[in-house]
Every structure is written in structure tokens, then in C-alpha cells.
């Protein structure tokens, strides 16, 4: 699968990435699974690699994914509780851990939606609950030679540089563009702390990527 980004990225991902075993997880993923506790919601679960790993640890976990094809794959892989739904429309459920990995902050879309995202997430968390989410500073680059020249929506002059547009390509088929947010650690901390949340970084690397643990006001 090829990821085309309005920030210049053209990244090829082998399909095997979506069917990894825990031994092949990135360090921040292993850290996130260690921090999971209680009832877990794997939001944007994809093909369920993290859900399956948590199930094997005996944890109670529900997987939510917007794409019905992905939900079918999860069920075939043995995910016991997989649901096709827009995670931002979930209501009336409470979880101890909200797990959002592989640039899990991305579906928020824009920086302006970060505060509403926290309000939504707070309603899904049980008392003492937590969000485990990863992201990183946006890497803006020139497209590689030979990359398609896409027409992207013009960003606003005062827009946040981590607000990207993404297209996914697989075997020559290209999907519609969608928003993807990348948030640097300092900006994320400023937003969540302004809302009274606590933010700690369980993992960081030299490129600015991180795993954050967010906890709402008591």
C-alpha cells in the first residue's frame, strides 16, 4: 500500500505490516500494550493486530473500525468483539483505556478539533481512565521523483503545519483524500493541559515521534 500525503510523503507499506505479530511491533506499540489496563477500546483497530495481542493477554478489549472490510478481517483473525462504527459517534459506553495507535491522533483531522476530541474521549472513559495515543511532528518534504502530482485542497494561511491530506493507493486503485493530523509533543501537551488533562510521554524518539498517556481531570 502506498501513502500519498499533501506534506510530500510517498511511503510504501508492505501489506504484512497489517498482520504483524507482537515480536514485530515497534517499541512504542509494546510500551502501549504494557500500559493498557481494565476494559480497553481499540479505536481505529485496522486489522486488529493490537486487539489480538491484548486478547492473548486475557484482557477485555473491543475493537472499533470504520471500514467493514477491516472488521471482517478482524473477525476472521479471531477478534471476539469487533464493531463497524465511527468511533467519534460512540456513546453510553465506558472504558478504562482508549487505545489509539499508528498515528492514532490522525483521525482528529485538524488542530481545531483536538479540544472537541478530548471532550468526546472524556465521556467514554471510566473514572481513572486513560488515553494511549501516538503521533509526532509533521515531516514536510518534496515528493520523490516520479511520484504522482496530486491536487490537494489549499491549506489556510494560518493553518497548523501538521494538518495533512492523505490518499491511499493499492494495486493502482486510489482512494479519496481524507484528513490526517500530526501533532508535535509540545503542542499536544499545551492543548490537553489547558483543558485540565494530564499529559505524560511514555515514549519519545529522536525524530519527534511519541506515545502519550492522557488522563482527564479527576
C-alpha atoms as a PDB file:
ATOM      1  CA  UNK A   1       0.000   0.000   0.000  1.00  0.00           C
ATOM      2  CA  UNK A   2       1.277   3.460  -0.898  1.00  0.00           C
ATOM      3  CA  UNK A   3       0.517   6.503   1.250  1.00  0.00           C
ATOM      4  CA  UNK A   4       0.445   9.817  -0.632  1.00  0.00           C
ATOM      5  CA  UNK A   5       0.499  12.920   1.577  1.00  0.00           C
ATOM      6  CA  UNK A   6      -0.015  16.614   0.917  1.00  0.00           C
ATOM      7  CA  UNK A   7       3.102  17.097   3.080  1.00  0.00           C
ATOM      8  CA  UNK A   8       5.179  15.451   0.357  1.00  0.00           C
ATOM      9  CA  UNK A   9       5.438  11.927   1.716  1.00  0.00           C
ATOM     10  CA  UNK A  10       5.100   8.970  -0.640  1.00  0.00           C
ATOM     11  CA  UNK A  11       5.576   5.933   1.568  1.00  0.00           C
ATOM     12  CA  UNK A  12       5.262   2.272   0.568  1.00  0.00           C
ATOM     13  CA  UNK A  13       3.992  -0.094   3.258  1.00  0.00           C
ATOM     14  CA  UNK A  14       4.105  -3.871   2.784  1.00  0.00           C
ATOM     15  CA  UNK A  15       0.746  -5.495   3.489  1.00  0.00           C
ATOM     16  CA  UNK A  16       2.493  -7.684   6.073  1.00  0.00           C
ATOM     17  CA  UNK A  17       2.655  -4.629   8.361  1.00  0.00           C
ATOM     18  CA  UNK A  18      -1.075  -5.042   8.951  1.00  0.00           C
ATOM     19  CA  UNK A  19      -0.676  -8.663  10.058  1.00  0.00           C
ATOM     20  CA  UNK A  20       2.313  -8.398  12.393  1.00  0.00           C
ATOM     21  CA  UNK A  21       2.909 -10.462  15.497  1.00  0.00           C
ATOM     22  CA  UNK A  22       3.952  -8.799  18.786  1.00  0.00           C
ATOM     23  CA  UNK A  23       7.617  -9.646  18.175  1.00  0.00           C
ATOM     24  CA  UNK A  24       7.482  -7.298  15.170  1.00  0.00           C
ATOM     25  CA  UNK A  25       5.782  -4.385  16.976  1.00  0.00           C
ATOM     26  CA  UNK A  26       7.554  -1.061  17.216  1.00  0.00           C
ATOM     27  CA  UNK A  27       8.884  -0.137  20.688  1.00  0.00           C
ATOM     28  CA  UNK A  28       6.111   2.418  21.287  1.00  0.00           C
ATOM     29  CA  UNK A  29       3.476  -0.227  20.484  1.00  0.00           C
ATOM     30  CA  UNK A  30       4.958  -2.656  23.003  1.00  0.00           C
ATOM     31  CA  UNK A  31       5.021   0.131  25.575  1.00  0.00           C
ATOM     32  CA  UNK A  32       1.363   0.978  24.875  1.00  0.00           C
ATOM     33  CA  UNK A  33       0.232  -2.616  25.350  1.00  0.00           C
ATOM     34  CA  UNK A  34       2.090  -2.793  28.657  1.00  0.00           C
ATOM     35  CA  UNK A  35       0.245   0.340  29.839  1.00  0.00           C
ATOM     36  CA  UNK A  36      -3.226  -0.933  28.893  1.00  0.00           C
ATOM     37  CA  UNK A  37      -5.444  -1.783  31.830  1.00  0.00           C
ATOM     38  CA  UNK A  38      -9.050  -2.680  32.560  1.00  0.00           C
ATOM     39  CA  UNK A  39     -11.604  -2.593  29.779  1.00  0.00           C
ATOM     40  CA  UNK A  40      -9.920  -1.462  26.545  1.00  0.00           C
ATOM     41  CA  UNK A  41     -11.351   0.198  23.427  1.00  0.00           C
ATOM     42  CA  UNK A  42      -9.040  -0.248  20.431  1.00  0.00           C
ATOM     43  CA  UNK A  43     -10.241   2.714  18.359  1.00  0.00           C
ATOM     44  CA  UNK A  44      -9.311   2.608  14.684  1.00  0.00           C
ATOM     45  CA  UNK A  45      -8.246  -1.002  15.163  1.00  0.00           C
ATOM     46  CA  UNK A  46      -7.454  -1.680  11.495  1.00  0.00           C
ATOM     47  CA  UNK A  47      -6.832  -5.390  11.066  1.00  0.00           C
ATOM     48  CA  UNK A  48      -6.746  -5.951  14.810  1.00  0.00           C
ATOM     49  CA  UNK A  49      -3.044  -6.596  15.428  1.00  0.00           C
ATOM     50  CA  UNK A  50      -3.193  -4.874  18.823  1.00  0.00           C
ATOM     51  CA  UNK A  51      -6.603  -6.287  19.715  1.00  0.00           C
ATOM     52  CA  UNK A  52      -5.427  -9.857  19.116  1.00  0.00           C
ATOM     53  CA  UNK A  53      -2.311  -9.260  21.228  1.00  0.00           C
ATOM     54  CA  UNK A  54      -4.410  -7.914  24.115  1.00  0.00           C
ATOM     55  CA  UNK A  55      -6.868 -10.813  23.873  1.00  0.00           C
ATOM     56  CA  UNK A  56      -3.973 -13.241  24.203  1.00  0.00           C
ATOM     57  CA  UNK A  57      -3.070 -11.476  27.444  1.00  0.00           C
ATOM     58  CA  UNK A  58      -6.566 -12.204  28.743  1.00  0.00           C
ATOM     59  CA  UNK A  59      -7.740  -8.591  28.591  1.00  0.00           C
ATOM     60  CA  UNK A  60     -11.266  -7.420  27.815  1.00  0.00           C
ATOM     61  CA  UNK A  61     -10.992  -5.421  24.587  1.00  0.00           C
ATOM     62  CA  UNK A  62     -13.422  -4.094  21.995  1.00  0.00           C
ATOM     63  CA  UNK A  63     -12.219  -3.159  18.508  1.00  0.00           C
ATOM     64  CA  UNK A  64     -13.899  -0.389  16.514  1.00  0.00           C
ATOM     65  CA  UNK A  65     -13.135   0.292  12.866  1.00  0.00           C
ATOM     66  CA  UNK A  66     -14.895   2.402  10.236  1.00  0.00           C
ATOM     67  CA  UNK A  67     -14.183   0.042   7.322  1.00  0.00           C
ATOM     68  CA  UNK A  68     -16.456  -3.035   7.166  1.00  0.00           C
ATOM     69  CA  UNK A  69     -13.788  -4.979   5.254  1.00  0.00           C
ATOM     70  CA  UNK A  70     -11.363  -4.451   8.144  1.00  0.00           C
ATOM     71  CA  UNK A  71     -13.971  -5.690  10.618  1.00  0.00           C
ATOM     72  CA  UNK A  72     -14.399  -8.847   8.522  1.00  0.00           C
ATOM     73  CA  UNK A  73     -10.641  -9.419   8.642  1.00  0.00           C
ATOM     74  CA  UNK A  74     -10.619  -8.974  12.413  1.00  0.00           C
ATOM     75  CA  UNK A  75     -13.407 -11.497  12.868  1.00  0.00           C
ATOM     76  CA  UNK A  76     -11.548 -13.976  10.650  1.00  0.00           C
ATOM     77  CA  UNK A  77      -8.454 -13.457  12.807  1.00  0.00           C
ATOM     78  CA  UNK A  78     -10.366 -14.331  15.952  1.00  0.00           C
ATOM     79  CA  UNK A  79     -11.224 -10.905  17.375  1.00  0.00           C
ATOM     80  CA  UNK A  80     -14.136 -11.627  19.685  1.00  0.00           C
ATOM     81  CA  UNK A  81     -15.632  -8.146  19.911  1.00  0.00           C
ATOM     82  CA  UNK A  82     -15.285  -6.128  16.695  1.00  0.00           C
ATOM     83  CA  UNK A  83     -17.716  -3.441  15.620  1.00  0.00           C
ATOM     84  CA  UNK A  84     -18.054  -1.419  12.416  1.00  0.00           C
ATOM     85  CA  UNK A  85     -18.697   2.143  13.554  1.00  0.00           C
ATOM     86  CA  UNK A  86     -17.395   5.693  13.519  1.00  0.00           C
ATOM     87  CA  UNK A  87     -15.536   5.852  16.815  1.00  0.00           C
ATOM     88  CA  UNK A  88     -16.498   9.519  17.236  1.00  0.00           C
ATOM     89  CA  UNK A  89     -20.170   8.515  17.342  1.00  0.00           C
ATOM     90  CA  UNK A  90     -19.836   6.044  20.222  1.00  0.00           C
ATOM     91  CA  UNK A  91     -21.927   6.914  23.265  1.00  0.00           C
ATOM     92  CA  UNK A  92     -23.061   5.358  26.510  1.00  0.00           C
ATOM     93  CA  UNK A  93     -20.003   3.125  26.975  1.00  0.00           C
ATOM     94  CA  UNK A  94     -17.129   3.487  29.438  1.00  0.00           C
ATOM     95  CA  UNK A  95     -13.599   2.160  29.125  1.00  0.00           C
ATOM     96  CA  UNK A  96     -10.535   2.184  31.339  1.00  0.00           C
ATOM     97  CA  UNK A  97      -8.186   2.535  28.361  1.00  0.00           C
ATOM     98  CA  UNK A  98      -8.773   4.160  24.998  1.00  0.00           C
ATOM     99  CA  UNK A  99      -6.040   2.802  22.702  1.00  0.00           C
ATOM    100  CA  UNK A 100      -5.289   4.776  19.521  1.00  0.00           C
ATOM    101  CA  UNK A 101      -2.118   3.651  17.724  1.00  0.00           C
ATOM    102  CA  UNK A 102      -0.298   4.144  14.402  1.00  0.00           C
ATOM    103  CA  UNK A 103      -0.588   7.937  14.454  1.00  0.00           C
ATOM    104  CA  UNK A 104      -3.732   7.418  16.470  1.00  0.00           C
ATOM    105  CA  UNK A 105      -4.303  11.168  16.735  1.00  0.00           C
ATOM    106  CA  UNK A 106      -4.617  11.293  12.930  1.00  0.00           C
ATOM    107  CA  UNK A 107      -8.410  10.834  12.624  1.00  0.00           C
ATOM    108  CA  UNK A 108      -8.941  14.035  14.652  1.00  0.00           C
ATOM    109  CA  UNK A 109      -8.114  15.754  11.349  1.00  0.00           C
ATOM    110  CA  UNK A 110      -7.265  19.312  12.363  1.00  0.00           C
ATOM    111  CA  UNK A 111      -5.810  21.037  15.396  1.00  0.00           C
ATOM    112  CA  UNK A 112      -9.107  22.898  15.899  1.00  0.00           C
ATOM    113  CA  UNK A 113     -10.779  19.529  16.509  1.00  0.00           C
ATOM    114  CA  UNK A 114      -8.329  18.467  19.212  1.00  0.00           C
ATOM    115  CA  UNK A 115     -10.272  20.051  22.079  1.00  0.00           C
ATOM    116  CA  UNK A 116     -13.625  18.560  20.924  1.00  0.00           C
ATOM    117  CA  UNK A 117     -11.819  15.216  20.638  1.00  0.00           C
ATOM    118  CA  UNK A 118     -10.818  15.409  24.301  1.00  0.00           C
ATOM    119  CA  UNK A 119     -14.389  16.253  25.284  1.00  0.00           C
ATOM    120  CA  UNK A 120     -15.632  13.209  23.368  1.00  0.00           C
ATOM    121  CA  UNK A 121     -12.960  10.931  24.806  1.00  0.00           C
ATOM    122  CA  UNK A 122     -13.684  12.091  28.342  1.00  0.00           C
ATOM    123  CA  UNK A 123     -17.254  10.837  28.034  1.00  0.00           C
ATOM    124  CA  UNK A 124     -16.008   7.359  27.071  1.00  0.00           C
ATOM    125  CA  UNK A 125     -13.524   6.981  29.924  1.00  0.00           C
ATOM    126  CA  UNK A 126     -14.393   5.381  33.233  1.00  0.00           C
ATOM    127  CA  UNK A 127     -13.181   7.162  36.381  1.00  0.00           C
ATOM    128  CA  UNK A 128      -9.386   6.954  36.447  1.00  0.00           C
ATOM    129  CA  UNK A 129      -9.315   6.100  32.735  1.00  0.00           C
ATOM    130  CA  UNK A 130      -6.591   6.913  30.227  1.00  0.00           C
ATOM    131  CA  UNK A 131      -5.926   7.512  26.536  1.00  0.00           C
ATOM    132  CA  UNK A 132      -2.829   5.970  24.949  1.00  0.00           C
ATOM    133  CA  UNK A 133      -2.134   7.698  21.651  1.00  0.00           C
ATOM    134  CA  UNK A 134       0.855   8.205  19.393  1.00  0.00           C
ATOM    135  CA  UNK A 135       1.791  10.886  16.896  1.00  0.00           C
ATOM    136  CA  UNK A 136       4.746  13.099  16.078  1.00  0.00           C
ATOM    137  CA  UNK A 137       5.939  16.231  14.403  1.00  0.00           C
ATOM    138  CA  UNK A 138       4.873  16.516  10.765  1.00  0.00           C
ATOM    139  CA  UNK A 139       7.697  15.787   8.334  1.00  0.00           C
ATOM    140  CA  UNK A 140       7.341  18.060   5.320  1.00  0.00           C
ATOM    141  CA  UNK A 141       9.341  17.031   2.269  1.00  0.00           C
ATOM    142  CA  UNK A 142       9.452  17.157  -1.505  1.00  0.00           C
ATOM    143  CA  UNK A 143       7.702  14.262  -3.271  1.00  0.00           C
ATOM    144  CA  UNK A 144      10.162  11.637  -4.567  1.00  0.00           C
ATOM    145  CA  UNK A 145      10.996  11.647  -8.300  1.00  0.00           C
ATOM    146  CA  UNK A 146       8.231  10.064 -10.344  1.00  0.00           C
ATOM    147  CA  UNK A 147       5.565  10.462  -7.684  1.00  0.00           C
ATOM    148  CA  UNK A 148       2.074  11.450  -8.943  1.00  0.00           C
ATOM    149  CA  UNK A 149       1.270  15.139  -8.875  1.00  0.00           C
ATOM    150  CA  UNK A 150      -1.905  15.301  -6.826  1.00  0.00           C
ATOM    151  CA  UNK A 151      -4.148  18.309  -6.452  1.00  0.00           C
ATOM    152  CA  UNK A 152      -4.681  18.919  -2.737  1.00  0.00           C
ATOM    153  CA  UNK A 153      -7.073  21.376  -1.073  1.00  0.00           C
ATOM    154  CA  UNK A 154      -5.295  24.670  -0.433  1.00  0.00           C
ATOM    155  CA  UNK A 155      -4.349  24.935   3.271  1.00  0.00           C
ATOM    156  CA  UNK A 156      -5.398  28.104   5.114  1.00  0.00           C
ATOM    157  CA  UNK A 157      -2.660  30.676   5.616  1.00  0.00           C
ATOM    158  CA  UNK A 158      -2.889  30.315   9.406  1.00  0.00           C
ATOM    159  CA  UNK A 159      -3.270  26.530   9.386  1.00  0.00           C
ATOM    160  CA  UNK A 160      -1.246  24.196  11.578  1.00  0.00           C
ATOM    161  CA  UNK A 161       1.549  22.534   9.556  1.00  0.00           C
ATOM    162  CA  UNK A 162       0.590  19.063  10.791  1.00  0.00           C
ATOM    163  CA  UNK A 163      -2.817  19.132   9.095  1.00  0.00           C
ATOM    164  CA  UNK A 164      -2.312  16.817   6.132  1.00  0.00           C
ATOM    165  CA  UNK A 165      -4.402  15.346   3.348  1.00  0.00           C
ATOM    166  CA  UNK A 166      -3.825  11.654   2.600  1.00  0.00           C
ATOM    167  CA  UNK A 167      -4.601   9.353  -0.315  1.00  0.00           C
ATOM    168  CA  UNK A 168      -4.079   5.588  -0.126  1.00  0.00           C
ATOM    169  CA  UNK A 169      -3.160   3.549  -3.192  1.00  0.00           C
ATOM    170  CA  UNK A 170      -3.198  -0.213  -3.602  1.00  0.00           C
ATOM    171  CA  UNK A 171      -2.579  -2.069  -6.851  1.00  0.00           C
ATOM    172  CA  UNK A 172      -3.310   1.029  -8.889  1.00  0.00           C
ATOM    173  CA  UNK A 173      -6.567   1.899  -7.111  1.00  0.00           C
ATOM    174  CA  UNK A 174      -6.525   5.244  -5.303  1.00  0.00           C
ATOM    175  CA  UNK A 175      -8.933   6.256  -2.576  1.00  0.00           C
ATOM    176  CA  UNK A 176     -10.499   9.650  -1.904  1.00  0.00           C
ATOM    177  CA  UNK A 177      -8.424  12.142   0.121  1.00  0.00           C
ATOM    178  CA  UNK A 178      -9.008  12.343   3.870  1.00  0.00           C
ATOM    179  CA  UNK A 179      -7.647  14.482   6.691  1.00  0.00           C
ATOM    180  CA  UNK A 180      -4.801  13.303   8.910  1.00  0.00           C
ATOM    181  CA  UNK A 181      -3.391  15.231  11.865  1.00  0.00           C
ATOM    182  CA  UNK A 182       0.181  15.072  13.123  1.00  0.00           C
ATOM    183  CA  UNK A 183       0.759  16.889  16.422  1.00  0.00           C
ATOM    184  CA  UNK A 184       4.159  17.684  17.887  1.00  0.00           C
ATOM    185  CA  UNK A 185       4.589  16.812  21.564  1.00  0.00           C
ATOM    186  CA  UNK A 186       4.734  20.404  22.807  1.00  0.00           C
ATOM    187  CA  UNK A 187       1.512  21.379  21.034  1.00  0.00           C
ATOM    188  CA  UNK A 188      -0.315  18.285  22.272  1.00  0.00           C
ATOM    189  CA  UNK A 189       0.760  18.911  25.869  1.00  0.00           C
ATOM    190  CA  UNK A 190      -0.326  22.555  25.697  1.00  0.00           C
ATOM    191  CA  UNK A 191      -3.807  21.628  24.451  1.00  0.00           C
ATOM    192  CA  UNK A 192      -4.506  18.808  26.874  1.00  0.00           C
ATOM    193  CA  UNK A 193      -3.162  20.662  29.911  1.00  0.00           C
ATOM    194  CA  UNK A 194      -5.192  23.732  29.011  1.00  0.00           C
ATOM    195  CA  UNK A 195      -8.277  21.533  29.312  1.00  0.00           C
ATOM    196  CA  UNK A 196      -7.232  20.326  32.739  1.00  0.00           C
ATOM    197  CA  UNK A 197      -5.952  16.948  31.482  1.00  0.00           C
ATOM    198  CA  UNK A 198      -2.638  15.409  32.474  1.00  0.00           C
ATOM    199  CA  UNK A 199      -0.166  14.527  29.727  1.00  0.00           C
ATOM    200  CA  UNK A 200       2.886  12.342  30.093  1.00  0.00           C
ATOM    201  CA  UNK A 201       5.094  10.903  27.379  1.00  0.00           C
ATOM    202  CA  UNK A 202       5.790   7.221  27.868  1.00  0.00           C
ATOM    203  CA  UNK A 203       7.991   7.029  24.773  1.00  0.00           C
ATOM    204  CA  UNK A 204       9.806   9.504  22.520  1.00  0.00           C
ATOM    205  CA  UNK A 205      12.412   9.179  19.801  1.00  0.00           C
ATOM    206  CA  UNK A 206      14.901  11.467  18.087  1.00  0.00           C
ATOM    207  CA  UNK A 207      12.551  12.122  15.158  1.00  0.00           C
ATOM    208  CA  UNK A 208       9.900  13.650  17.443  1.00  0.00           C
ATOM    209  CA  UNK A 209       7.556  10.648  17.493  1.00  0.00           C
ATOM    210  CA  UNK A 210       5.974   9.795  20.834  1.00  0.00           C
ATOM    211  CA  UNK A 211       3.483   7.743  22.785  1.00  0.00           C
ATOM    212  CA  UNK A 212       1.382   9.933  25.092  1.00  0.00           C
ATOM    213  CA  UNK A 213      -0.674   8.931  28.089  1.00  0.00           C
ATOM    214  CA  UNK A 214      -3.569  11.356  28.620  1.00  0.00           C
ATOM    215  CA  UNK A 215      -5.741  11.400  31.730  1.00  0.00           C
ATOM    216  CA  UNK A 216      -8.763  13.642  32.277  1.00  0.00           C
ATOM    217  CA  UNK A 217      -9.389  15.822  35.314  1.00  0.00           C
ATOM    218  CA  UNK A 218     -10.382  13.840  38.412  1.00  0.00           C
END
